Amino acid sequence: MVTVTDSAADKIRTMLDSQGHPEYGLRMGVVGGGCSGFQYRLAFETAAADMDQIIEVNGVRLFIDPKSCLYLNGVRLDYIDGLMGAGFKIENPNARSTCGCGESFSA
């Protein structure tokens, strides 16, 4: 199960509304790459694929493919907006290590 904070859900809804697609969902995935071996991928999509797990949390639909589910179980998705920048932050208890920029991890 993925946890989405209120601030992340608010930002996702705001972004979807501003694009005129409030009915879309957020695809959350893990792909090979980055300096630690795996990197996260976030993208808006119209609908889930055949084998996707669909999670509805805080008014937001998440689509997660079966392979990514293995790496995203227990993940917390947050949105930070501060003086040093703004963006989504993923806290993954399954990651053995992360890179300095926080955008990739090893499992």
PDB file of N, CA and C in Angstrom:
ATOM      1  N   MET A   1       0.834  -1.185   0.000  1.00  0.00           N
ATOM      2  CA  MET A   1       0.000   0.000   0.000  1.00  0.00           C
ATOM      3  C   MET A   1       0.876   1.244   0.000  1.00  0.00           C
ATOM      4  N   VAL A   2       0.500   2.204  -0.795  1.00  0.00           N
ATOM      5  CA  VAL A   2       1.197   3.486  -0.876  1.00  0.00           C
ATOM      6  C   VAL A   2       0.402   4.516  -0.082  1.00  0.00           C
ATOM      7  N   THR A   3       1.094   5.314   0.715  1.00  0.00           N
ATOM      8  CA  THR A   3       0.474   6.395   1.464  1.00  0.00           C
ATOM      9  C   THR A   3       0.724   7.696   0.725  1.00  0.00           C
ATOM     10  N   VAL A   4      -0.315   8.493   0.567  1.00  0.00           N
ATOM     11  CA  VAL A   4      -0.202   9.800  -0.063  1.00  0.00           C
ATOM     12  C   VAL A   4      -0.582  10.847   0.976  1.00  0.00           C
ATOM     13  N   THR A   5       0.330  11.767   1.260  1.00  0.00           N
ATOM     14  CA  THR A   5       0.035  12.797   2.249  1.00  0.00           C
ATOM     15  C   THR A   5      -1.006  13.776   1.700  1.00  0.00           C
ATOM     16  N   ASP A   6      -1.605  14.532   2.591  1.00  0.00           N
ATOM     17  CA  ASP A   6      -2.587  15.532   2.179  1.00  0.00           C
ATOM     18  C   ASP A   6      -1.969  16.549   1.219  1.00  0.00           C
ATOM     19  N   SER A   7      -0.727  16.983   1.504  1.00  0.00           N
ATOM     20  CA  SER A   7      -0.095  17.984   0.634  1.00  0.00           C
ATOM     21  C   SER A   7       0.185  17.419  -0.757  1.00  0.00           C
ATOM     22  N   ALA A   8       0.570  16.135  -0.843  1.00  0.00           N
ATOM     23  CA  ALA A   8       0.803  15.518  -2.154  1.00  0.00           C
ATOM     24  C   ALA A   8      -0.510  15.363  -2.913  1.00  0.00           C
ATOM     25  N   ALA A   9      -1.555  14.924  -2.225  1.00  0.00           N
ATOM     26  CA  ALA A   9      -2.859  14.760  -2.873  1.00  0.00           C
ATOM     27  C   ALA A   9      -3.383  16.107  -3.364  1.00  0.00           C
ATOM     28  N   ASP A  10      -3.222  17.142  -2.548  1.00  0.00           N
ATOM     29  CA  ASP A  10      -3.660  18.486  -2.959  1.00  0.00           C
ATOM     30  C   ASP A  10      -2.922  18.946  -4.208  1.00  0.00           C
ATOM     31  N   LYS A  11      -1.620  18.720  -4.249  1.00  0.00           N
ATOM     32  CA  LYS A  11      -0.822  19.146  -5.399  1.00  0.00           C
ATOM     33  C   LYS A  11      -1.209  18.358  -6.649  1.00  0.00           C
ATOM     34  N   ILE A  12      -1.418  17.067  -6.516  1.00  0.00           N
ATOM     35  CA  ILE A  12      -1.817  16.235  -7.659  1.00  0.00           C
ATOM     36  C   ILE A  12      -3.159  16.712  -8.206  1.00  0.00           C
ATOM     37  N   ARG A  13      -4.135  16.922  -7.317  1.00  0.00           N
ATOM     38  CA  ARG A  13      -5.449  17.408  -7.760  1.00  0.00           C
ATOM     39  C   ARG A  13      -5.338  18.769  -8.436  1.00  0.00           C
ATOM     40  N   THR A  14      -4.527  19.671  -7.865  1.00  0.00           N
ATOM     41  CA  THR A  14      -4.332  21.000  -8.449  1.00  0.00           C
ATOM     42  C   THR A  14      -3.728  20.898  -9.843  1.00  0.00           C
ATOM     43  N   MET A  15      -2.733  20.031 -10.012  1.00  0.00           N
ATOM     44  CA  MET A  15      -2.087  19.862 -11.315  1.00  0.00           C
ATOM     45  C   MET A  15      -3.060  19.277 -12.338  1.00  0.00           C
ATOM     46  N   LEU A  16      -3.838  18.272 -11.938  1.00  0.00           N
ATOM     47  CA  LEU A  16      -4.807  17.673 -12.848  1.00  0.00           C
ATOM     48  C   LEU A  16      -5.893  18.674 -13.228  1.00  0.00           C
ATOM     49  N   ASP A  17      -6.371  19.445 -12.256  1.00  0.00           N
ATOM     50  CA  ASP A  17      -7.393  20.458 -12.535  1.00  0.00           C
ATOM     51  C   ASP A  17      -6.863  21.528 -13.488  1.00  0.00           C
ATOM     52  N   SER A  18      -5.619  21.961 -13.281  1.00  0.00           N
ATOM     53  CA  SER A  18      -5.048  23.013 -14.131  1.00  0.00           C
ATOM     54  C   SER A  18      -4.845  22.538 -15.566  1.00  0.00           C
ATOM     55  N   GLN A  19      -4.666  21.217 -15.751  1.00  0.00           N
ATOM     56  CA  GLN A  19      -4.524  20.649 -17.091  1.00  0.00           C
ATOM     57  C   GLN A  19      -5.878  20.303 -17.705  1.00  0.00           C
ATOM     58  N   GLY A  20      -6.949  20.489 -16.924  1.00  0.00           N
ATOM     59  CA  GLY A  20      -8.289  20.200 -17.423  1.00  0.00           C
ATOM     60  C   GLY A  20      -8.633  18.725 -17.438  1.00  0.00           C
ATOM     61  N   HIS A  21      -7.933  17.931 -16.610  1.00  0.00           N
ATOM     62  CA  HIS A  21      -8.170  16.481 -16.590  1.00  0.00           C
ATOM     63  C   HIS A  21      -8.310  15.965 -15.154  1.00  0.00           C
ATOM     64  N   PRO A  22      -9.296  16.433 -14.418  1.00  0.00           N
ATOM     65  CA  PRO A  22      -9.424  15.978 -13.028  1.00  0.00           C
ATOM     66  C   PRO A  22      -9.733  14.487 -12.895  1.00  0.00           C
ATOM     67  N   GLU A  23     -10.156  13.846 -13.983  1.00  0.00           N
ATOM     68  CA  GLU A  23     -10.499  12.420 -13.938  1.00  0.00           C
ATOM     69  C   GLU A  23      -9.287  11.508 -14.121  1.00  0.00           C
ATOM     70  N   TYR A  24      -8.137  12.040 -14.484  1.00  0.00           N
ATOM     71  CA  TYR A  24      -6.922  11.241 -14.678  1.00  0.00           C
ATOM     72  C   TYR A  24      -6.416  10.718 -13.331  1.00  0.00           C
ATOM     73  N   GLY A  25      -5.457   9.830 -13.397  1.00  0.00           N
ATOM     74  CA  GLY A  25      -4.789   9.319 -12.213  1.00  0.00           C
ATOM     75  C   GLY A  25      -3.293   9.481 -12.352  1.00  0.00           C
ATOM     76  N   LEU A  26      -2.584   9.177 -11.294  1.00  0.00           N
ATOM     77  CA  LEU A  26      -1.127   9.278 -11.276  1.00  0.00           C
ATOM     78  C   LEU A  26      -0.526   7.884 -11.384  1.00  0.00           C
ATOM     79  N   ARG A  27       0.279   7.667 -12.433  1.00  0.00           N
ATOM     80  CA  ARG A  27       1.029   6.409 -12.548  1.00  0.00           C
ATOM     81  C   ARG A  27       2.304   6.582 -11.743  1.00  0.00           C
ATOM     82  N   MET A  28       2.516   5.616 -10.858  1.00  0.00           N
ATOM     83  CA  MET A  28       3.716   5.611 -10.026  1.00  0.00           C
ATOM     84  C   MET A  28       4.454   4.324 -10.345  1.00  0.00           C
ATOM     85  N   GLY A  29       5.701   4.444 -10.742  1.00  0.00           N
ATOM     86  CA  GLY A  29       6.441   3.263 -11.136  1.00  0.00           C
ATOM     87  C   GLY A  29       7.906   3.314 -10.765  1.00  0.00           C
ATOM     88  N   VAL A  30       8.546   2.189 -10.931  1.00  0.00           N
ATOM     89  CA  VAL A  30       9.979   2.043 -10.705  1.00  0.00           C
ATOM     90  C   VAL A  30      10.576   1.472 -11.984  1.00  0.00           C
ATOM     91  N   VAL A  31      11.642   2.101 -12.462  1.00  0.00           N
ATOM     92  CA  VAL A  31      12.336   1.628 -13.658  1.00  0.00           C
ATOM     93  C   VAL A  31      13.830   1.547 -13.354  1.00  0.00           C
ATOM     94  N   GLY A  32      14.531   0.747 -14.133  1.00  0.00           N
ATOM     95  CA  GLY A  32      15.973   0.649 -13.979  1.00  0.00           C
ATOM     96  C   GLY A  32      16.635   1.945 -14.412  1.00  0.00           C
ATOM     97  N   GLY A  33      17.680   2.323 -13.709  1.00  0.00           N
ATOM     98  CA  GLY A  33      18.421   3.529 -14.065  1.00  0.00           C
ATOM     99  C   GLY A  33      18.789   4.340 -12.846  1.00  0.00           C
ATOM    100  N   GLY A  34      19.303   5.517 -13.093  1.00  0.00           N
ATOM    101  CA  GLY A  34      19.746   6.364 -11.992  1.00  0.00           C
ATOM    102  C   GLY A  34      21.083   5.887 -11.471  1.00  0.00           C
ATOM    103  N   CYS A  35      21.635   6.628 -10.551  1.00  0.00           N
ATOM    104  CA  CYS A  35      22.970   6.281 -10.064  1.00  0.00           C
ATOM    105  C   CYS A  35      22.962   5.171  -9.019  1.00  0.00           C
ATOM    106  N   SER A  36      21.774   4.781  -8.513  1.00  0.00           N
ATOM    107  CA  SER A  36      21.720   3.705  -7.520  1.00  0.00           C
ATOM    108  C   SER A  36      21.073   2.424  -8.035  1.00  0.00           C
ATOM    109  N   GLY A  37      20.616   2.402  -9.282  1.00  0.00           N
ATOM    110  CA  GLY A  37      20.071   1.176  -9.854  1.00  0.00           C
ATOM    111  C   GLY A  37      18.618   1.263 -10.272  1.00  0.00           C
ATOM    112  N   PHE A  38      17.784   1.928  -9.473  1.00  0.00           N
ATOM    113  CA  PHE A  38      16.370   2.094  -9.795  1.00  0.00           C
ATOM    114  C   PHE A  38      16.001   3.564  -9.630  1.00  0.00           C
ATOM    115  N   GLN A  39      15.028   3.996 -10.409  1.00  0.00           N
ATOM    116  CA  GLN A  39      14.545   5.358 -10.230  1.00  0.00           C
ATOM    117  C   GLN A  39      13.021   5.359 -10.305  1.00  0.00           C
ATOM    118  N   TYR A  40      12.438   6.366  -9.674  1.00  0.00           N
ATOM    119  CA  TYR A  40      10.990   6.493  -9.640  1.00  0.00           C
ATOM    120  C   TYR A  40      10.508   7.210 -10.891  1.00  0.00           C
ATOM    121  N   ARG A  41       9.302   6.861 -11.297  1.00  0.00           N
ATOM    122  CA  ARG A  41       8.687   7.519 -12.441  1.00  0.00           C
ATOM    123  C   ARG A  41       7.264   7.893 -12.047  1.00  0.00           C
ATOM    124  N   LEU A  42       6.910   9.165 -12.224  1.00  0.00           N
ATOM    125  CA  LEU A  42       5.561   9.666 -11.963  1.00  0.00           C
ATOM    126  C   LEU A  42       5.033  10.292 -13.244  1.00  0.00           C
ATOM    127  N   ALA A  43       3.798   9.973 -13.605  1.00  0.00           N
ATOM    128  CA  ALA A  43       3.192  10.537 -14.817  1.00  0.00           C
ATOM    129  C   ALA A  43       1.680  10.460 -14.686  1.00  0.00           C
ATOM    130  N   PHE A  44       0.994  11.402 -15.303  1.00  0.00           N
ATOM    131  CA  PHE A  44      -0.466  11.367 -15.316  1.00  0.00           C
ATOM    132  C   PHE A  44      -0.945  10.493 -16.466  1.00  0.00           C
ATOM    133  N   GLU A  45      -2.002   9.701 -16.216  1.00  0.00           N
ATOM    134  CA  GLU A  45      -2.561   8.836 -17.242  1.00  0.00           C
ATOM    135  C   GLU A  45      -4.079   8.837 -17.160  1.00  0.00           C
ATOM    136  N   THR A  46      -4.694   8.547 -18.296  1.00  0.00           N
ATOM    137  CA  THR A  46      -6.155   8.554 -18.376  1.00  0.00           C
ATOM    138  C   THR A  46      -6.784   7.374 -17.654  1.00  0.00           C
ATOM    139  N   ALA A  47      -6.146   6.213 -17.696  1.00  0.00           N
ATOM    140  CA  ALA A  47      -6.730   5.008 -17.115  1.00  0.00           C
ATOM    141  C   ALA A  47      -5.638   4.005 -16.772  1.00  0.00           C
ATOM    142  N   ALA A  48      -6.009   3.040 -15.966  1.00  0.00           N
ATOM    143  CA  ALA A  48      -5.080   1.981 -15.583  1.00  0.00           C
ATOM    144  C   ALA A  48      -4.900   0.997 -16.734  1.00  0.00           C
ATOM    145  N   ALA A  49      -3.756   0.328 -16.751  1.00  0.00           N
ATOM    146  CA  ALA A  49      -3.516  -0.769 -17.695  1.00  0.00           C
ATOM    147  C   ALA A  49      -4.143  -2.045 -17.119  1.00  0.00           C
ATOM    148  N   ASP A  50      -4.155  -3.113 -17.926  1.00  0.00           N
ATOM    149  CA  ASP A  50      -4.839  -4.352 -17.551  1.00  0.00           C
ATOM    150  C   ASP A  50      -4.413  -4.922 -16.196  1.00  0.00           C
ATOM    151  N   MET A  51      -3.143  -4.995 -15.917  1.00  0.00           N
ATOM    152  CA  MET A  51      -2.650  -5.661 -14.711  1.00  0.00           C
ATOM    153  C   MET A  51      -2.337  -4.699 -13.564  1.00  0.00           C
ATOM    154  N   ASP A  52      -2.623  -3.430 -13.730  1.00  0.00           N
ATOM    155  CA  ASP A  52      -2.294  -2.439 -12.712  1.00  0.00           C
ATOM    156  C   ASP A  52      -3.074  -2.646 -11.419  1.00  0.00           C
ATOM    157  N   GLN A  53      -2.407  -2.299 -10.338  1.00  0.00           N
ATOM    158  CA  GLN A  53      -3.102  -2.163  -9.066  1.00  0.00           C
ATOM    159  C   GLN A  53      -3.604  -0.723  -9.022  1.00  0.00           C
ATOM    160  N   ILE A  54      -4.853  -0.524  -8.646  1.00  0.00           N
ATOM    161  CA  ILE A  54      -5.429   0.815  -8.558  1.00  0.00           C
ATOM    162  C   ILE A  54      -5.662   1.121  -7.089  1.00  0.00           C
ATOM    163  N   ILE A  55      -5.086   2.215  -6.652  1.00  0.00           N
ATOM    164  CA  ILE A  55      -5.221   2.639  -5.264  1.00  0.00           C
ATOM    165  C   ILE A  55      -5.882   4.011  -5.262  1.00  0.00           C
ATOM    166  N   GLU A  56      -6.929   4.148  -4.488  1.00  0.00           N
ATOM    167  CA  GLU A  56      -7.557   5.455  -4.321  1.00  0.00           C
ATOM    168  C   GLU A  56      -7.285   5.900  -2.900  1.00  0.00           C
ATOM    169  N   VAL A  57      -6.571   7.014  -2.784  1.00  0.00           N
ATOM    170  CA  VAL A  57      -6.180   7.506  -1.472  1.00  0.00           C
ATOM    171  C   VAL A  57      -6.207   9.035  -1.487  1.00  0.00           C
ATOM    172  N   ASN A  58      -6.794   9.613  -0.472  1.00  0.00           N
ATOM    173  CA  ASN A  58      -6.902  11.075  -0.351  1.00  0.00           C
ATOM    174  C   ASN A  58      -7.497  11.712  -1.606  1.00  0.00           C
ATOM    175  N   GLY A  59      -8.441  11.037  -2.247  1.00  0.00           N
ATOM    176  CA  GLY A  59      -9.100  11.597  -3.419  1.00  0.00           C
ATOM    177  C   GLY A  59      -8.291  11.523  -4.695  1.00  0.00           C
ATOM    178  N   VAL A  60      -7.213  10.741  -4.687  1.00  0.00           N
ATOM    179  CA  VAL A  60      -6.337  10.610  -5.858  1.00  0.00           C
ATOM    180  C   VAL A  60      -6.251   9.137  -6.236  1.00  0.00           C
ATOM    181  N   ARG A  61      -6.314   8.855  -7.543  1.00  0.00           N
ATOM    182  CA  ARG A  61      -6.142   7.481  -8.026  1.00  0.00           C
ATOM    183  C   ARG A  61      -4.692   7.269  -8.434  1.00  0.00           C
ATOM    184  N   LEU A  62      -4.100   6.184  -7.940  1.00  0.00           N
ATOM    185  CA  LEU A  62      -2.743   5.787  -8.322  1.00  0.00           C
ATOM    186  C   LEU A  62      -2.831   4.507  -9.129  1.00  0.00           C
ATOM    187  N   PHE A  63      -2.041   4.442 -10.198  1.00  0.00           N
ATOM    188  CA  PHE A  63      -1.932   3.236 -11.016  1.00  0.00           C
ATOM    189  C   PHE A  63      -0.508   2.703 -10.850  1.00  0.00           C
ATOM    190  N   ILE A  64      -0.387   1.437 -10.438  1.00  0.00           N
ATOM    191  CA  ILE A  64       0.937   0.860 -10.212  1.00  0.00           C
ATOM    192  C   ILE A  64       1.005  -0.494 -10.913  1.00  0.00           C
ATOM    193  N   ASP A  65       1.999  -0.667 -11.773  1.00  0.00           N
ATOM    194  CA  ASP A  65       2.160  -1.934 -12.484  1.00  0.00           C
ATOM    195  C   ASP A  65       2.663  -3.005 -11.514  1.00  0.00           C
ATOM    196  N   PRO A  66       2.438  -4.283 -11.830  1.00  0.00           N
ATOM    197  CA  PRO A  66       2.792  -5.369 -10.901  1.00  0.00           C
ATOM    198  C   PRO A  66       4.263  -5.389 -10.483  1.00  0.00           C
ATOM    199  N   LYS A  67       5.176  -5.127 -11.402  1.00  0.00           N
ATOM    200  CA  LYS A  67       6.603  -5.148 -11.066  1.00  0.00           C
ATOM    201  C   LYS A  67       6.946  -4.037 -10.081  1.00  0.00           C
ATOM    202  N   SER A  68       6.393  -2.853 -10.312  1.00  0.00           N
ATOM    203  CA  SER A  68       6.677  -1.718  -9.426  1.00  0.00           C
ATOM    204  C   SER A  68       6.086  -1.928  -8.035  1.00  0.00           C
ATOM    205  N   CYS A  69       4.978  -2.673  -7.944  1.00  0.00           N
ATOM    206  CA  CYS A  69       4.362  -2.940  -6.639  1.00  0.00           C
ATOM    207  C   CYS A  69       5.357  -3.577  -5.674  1.00  0.00           C
ATOM    208  N   LEU A  70       6.250  -4.404  -6.201  1.00  0.00           N
ATOM    209  CA  LEU A  70       7.247  -5.062  -5.358  1.00  0.00           C
ATOM    210  C   LEU A  70       8.143  -4.054  -4.653  1.00  0.00           C
ATOM    211  N   TYR A  71       8.437  -2.940  -5.310  1.00  0.00           N
ATOM    212  CA  TYR A  71       9.359  -1.943  -4.770  1.00  0.00           C
ATOM    213  C   TYR A  71       8.644  -0.796  -4.046  1.00  0.00           C
ATOM    214  N   LEU A  72       7.345  -0.666  -4.265  1.00  0.00           N
ATOM    215  CA  LEU A  72       6.623   0.488  -3.727  1.00  0.00           C
ATOM    216  C   LEU A  72       5.742   0.165  -2.526  1.00  0.00           C
ATOM    217  N   ASN A  73       5.729  -1.062  -2.080  1.00  0.00           N
ATOM    218  CA  ASN A  73       4.913  -1.415  -0.924  1.00  0.00           C
ATOM    219  C   ASN A  73       5.424  -0.674   0.316  1.00  0.00           C
ATOM    220  N   GLY A  74       4.554   0.080   0.957  1.00  0.00           N
ATOM    221  CA  GLY A  74       4.932   0.827   2.154  1.00  0.00           C
ATOM    222  C   GLY A  74       5.476   2.213   1.883  1.00  0.00           C
ATOM    223  N   VAL A  75       5.505   2.637   0.625  1.00  0.00           N
ATOM    224  CA  VAL A  75       6.058   3.939   0.245  1.00  0.00           C
ATOM    225  C   VAL A  75       5.132   5.073   0.682  1.00  0.00           C
ATOM    226  N   ARG A  76       5.725   6.194   1.031  1.00  0.00           N
ATOM    227  CA  ARG A  76       4.990   7.415   1.383  1.00  0.00           C
ATOM    228  C   ARG A  76       5.336   8.487   0.359  1.00  0.00           C
ATOM    229  N   LEU A  77       4.308   9.015  -0.324  1.00  0.00           N
ATOM    230  CA  LEU A  77       4.480  10.074  -1.311  1.00  0.00           C
ATOM    231  C   LEU A  77       4.073  11.391  -0.671  1.00  0.00           C
ATOM    232  N   ASP A  78       4.987  12.352  -0.654  1.00  0.00           N
ATOM    233  CA  ASP A  78       4.747  13.651  -0.038  1.00  0.00           C
ATOM    234  C   ASP A  78       5.076  14.737  -1.047  1.00  0.00           C
ATOM    235  N   TYR A  79       4.596  15.945  -0.788  1.00  0.00           N
ATOM    236  CA  TYR A  79       4.952  17.100  -1.610  1.00  0.00           C
ATOM    237  C   TYR A  79       5.508  18.153  -0.681  1.00  0.00           C
ATOM    238  N   ILE A  80       6.710  18.613  -0.983  1.00  0.00           N
ATOM    239  CA  ILE A  80       7.404  19.616  -0.181  1.00  0.00           C
ATOM    240  C   ILE A  80       7.477  20.912  -0.972  1.00  0.00           C
ATOM    241  N   ASP A  81       7.152  22.015  -0.327  1.00  0.00           N
ATOM    242  CA  ASP A  81       7.245  23.333  -0.952  1.00  0.00           C
ATOM    243  C   ASP A  81       7.957  24.244   0.026  1.00  0.00           C
ATOM    244  N   GLY A  82       9.248  24.463  -0.217  1.00  0.00           N
ATOM    245  CA  GLY A  82      10.052  25.251   0.712  1.00  0.00           C
ATOM    246  C   GLY A  82      10.968  26.220  -0.001  1.00  0.00           C
ATOM    247  N   LEU A  83      11.786  26.897   0.775  1.00  0.00           N
ATOM    248  CA  LEU A  83      12.706  27.895   0.232  1.00  0.00           C
ATOM    249  C   LEU A  83      13.750  27.290  -0.705  1.00  0.00           C
ATOM    250  N   MET A  84      14.107  26.038  -0.473  1.00  0.00           N
ATOM    251  CA  MET A  84      15.139  25.386  -1.288  1.00  0.00           C
ATOM    252  C   MET A  84      14.555  24.701  -2.522  1.00  0.00           C
ATOM    253  N   GLY A  85      13.245  24.807  -2.706  1.00  0.00           N
ATOM    254  CA  GLY A  85      12.623  24.203  -3.875  1.00  0.00           C
ATOM    255  C   GLY A  85      11.356  23.462  -3.514  1.00  0.00           C
ATOM    256  N   ALA A  86      10.693  23.004  -4.544  1.00  0.00           N
ATOM    257  CA  ALA A  86       9.437  22.287  -4.354  1.00  0.00           C
ATOM    258  C   ALA A  86       9.457  21.023  -5.191  1.00  0.00           C
ATOM    259  N   GLY A  87       8.749  20.002  -4.728  1.00  0.00           N
ATOM    260  CA  GLY A  87       8.645  18.783  -5.505  1.00  0.00           C
ATOM    261  C   GLY A  87       8.132  17.627  -4.682  1.00  0.00           C
ATOM    262  N   PHE A  88       7.872  16.531  -5.374  1.00  0.00           N
ATOM    263  CA  PHE A  88       7.405  15.326  -4.710  1.00  0.00           C
ATOM    264  C   PHE A  88       8.586  14.625  -4.049  1.00  0.00           C
ATOM    265  N   LYS A  89       8.337  14.082  -2.879  1.00  0.00           N
ATOM    266  CA  LYS A  89       9.357  13.344  -2.133  1.00  0.00           C
ATOM    267  C   LYS A  89       8.810  11.953  -1.853  1.00  0.00           C
ATOM    268  N   ILE A  90       9.594  10.936  -2.168  1.00  0.00           N
ATOM    269  CA  ILE A  90       9.193   9.552  -1.952  1.00  0.00           C
ATOM    270  C   ILE A  90      10.055   8.971  -0.842  1.00  0.00           C
ATOM    271  N   GLU A  91       9.389   8.502   0.199  1.00  0.00           N
ATOM    272  CA  GLU A  91      10.072   7.837   1.307  1.00  0.00           C
ATOM    273  C   GLU A  91       9.801   6.346   1.164  1.00  0.00           C
ATOM    274  N   ASN A  92      10.851   5.598   0.895  1.00  0.00           N
ATOM    275  CA  ASN A  92      10.713   4.170   0.593  1.00  0.00           C
ATOM    276  C   ASN A  92      11.428   3.321   1.650  1.00  0.00           C
ATOM    277  N   PRO A  93      10.667   2.623   2.507  1.00  0.00           N
ATOM    278  CA  PRO A  93      11.299   1.778   3.521  1.00  0.00           C
ATOM    279  C   PRO A  93      11.989   0.544   2.936  1.00  0.00           C
ATOM    280  N   ASN A  94      11.731   0.236   1.661  1.00  0.00           N
ATOM    281  CA  ASN A  94      12.343  -0.920   1.006  1.00  0.00           C
ATOM    282  C   ASN A  94      13.717  -0.611   0.435  1.00  0.00           C
ATOM    283  N   ALA A  95      14.077   0.656   0.349  1.00  0.00           N
ATOM    284  CA  ALA A  95      15.355   1.044  -0.254  1.00  0.00           C
ATOM    285  C   ALA A  95      16.502   0.753   0.708  1.00  0.00           C
ATOM    286  N   ARG A  96      17.492   0.018   0.232  1.00  0.00           N
ATOM    287  CA  ARG A  96      18.692  -0.239   1.043  1.00  0.00           C
ATOM    288  C   ARG A  96      19.574   0.995   1.081  1.00  0.00           C
ATOM    289  N   SER A  97      19.617   1.717  -0.036  1.00  0.00           N
ATOM    290  CA  SER A  97      20.395   2.947  -0.093  1.00  0.00           C
ATOM    291  C   SER A  97      19.790   3.854  -1.150  1.00  0.00           C
ATOM    292  N   THR A  98      20.070   5.138  -1.031  1.00  0.00           N
ATOM    293  CA  THR A  98      19.608   6.110  -2.017  1.00  0.00           C
ATOM    294  C   THR A  98      20.789   6.953  -2.441  1.00  0.00           C
ATOM    295  N   CYS A  99      20.633   7.592  -3.588  1.00  0.00           N
ATOM    296  CA  CYS A  99      21.698   8.461  -4.070  1.00  0.00           C
ATOM    297  C   CYS A  99      21.581   9.818  -3.371  1.00  0.00           C
ATOM    298  N   GLY A 100      22.561  10.664  -3.576  1.00  0.00           N
ATOM    299  CA  GLY A 100      22.575  11.978  -2.946  1.00  0.00           C
ATOM    300  C   GLY A 100      21.427  12.866  -3.352  1.00  0.00           C
ATOM    301  N   CYS A 101      20.961  12.750  -4.583  1.00  0.00           N
ATOM    302  CA  CYS A 101      19.875  13.615  -5.049  1.00  0.00           C
ATOM    303  C   CYS A 101      18.509  13.082  -4.616  1.00  0.00           C
ATOM    304  N   GLY A 102      18.435  11.819  -4.155  1.00  0.00           N
ATOM    305  CA  GLY A 102      17.190  11.238  -3.686  1.00  0.00           C
ATOM    306  C   GLY A 102      16.256  10.753  -4.793  1.00  0.00           C
ATOM    307  N   GLU A 103      16.736  10.715  -6.032  1.00  0.00           N
ATOM    308  CA  GLU A 103      15.868  10.305  -7.136  1.00  0.00           C
ATOM    309  C   GLU A 103      16.073   8.874  -7.570  1.00  0.00           C
ATOM    310  N   SER A 104      17.055   8.193  -6.994  1.00  0.00           N
ATOM    311  CA  SER A 104      17.227   6.782  -7.320  1.00  0.00           C
ATOM    312  C   SER A 104      17.578   6.021  -6.034  1.00  0.00           C
ATOM    313  N   PHE A 105      17.429   4.698  -6.114  1.00  0.00           N
ATOM    314  CA  PHE A 105      17.650   3.863  -4.931  1.00  0.00           C
ATOM    315  C   PHE A 105      18.082   2.479  -5.348  1.00  0.00           C
ATOM    316  N   SER A 106      18.572   1.724  -4.373  1.00  0.00           N
ATOM    317  CA  SER A 106      18.866   0.313  -4.605  1.00  0.00           C
ATOM    318  C   SER A 106      17.999  -0.503  -3.652  1.00  0.00           C
ATOM    319  N   ALA A 107      17.615  -1.676  -4.114  1.00  0.00           N
ATOM    320  CA  ALA A 107      16.715  -2.519  -3.296  1.00  0.00           C
ATOM    321  C   ALA A 107      17.405  -3.770  -2.834  1.00  0.00           C
TER     322      ALA A 107
END
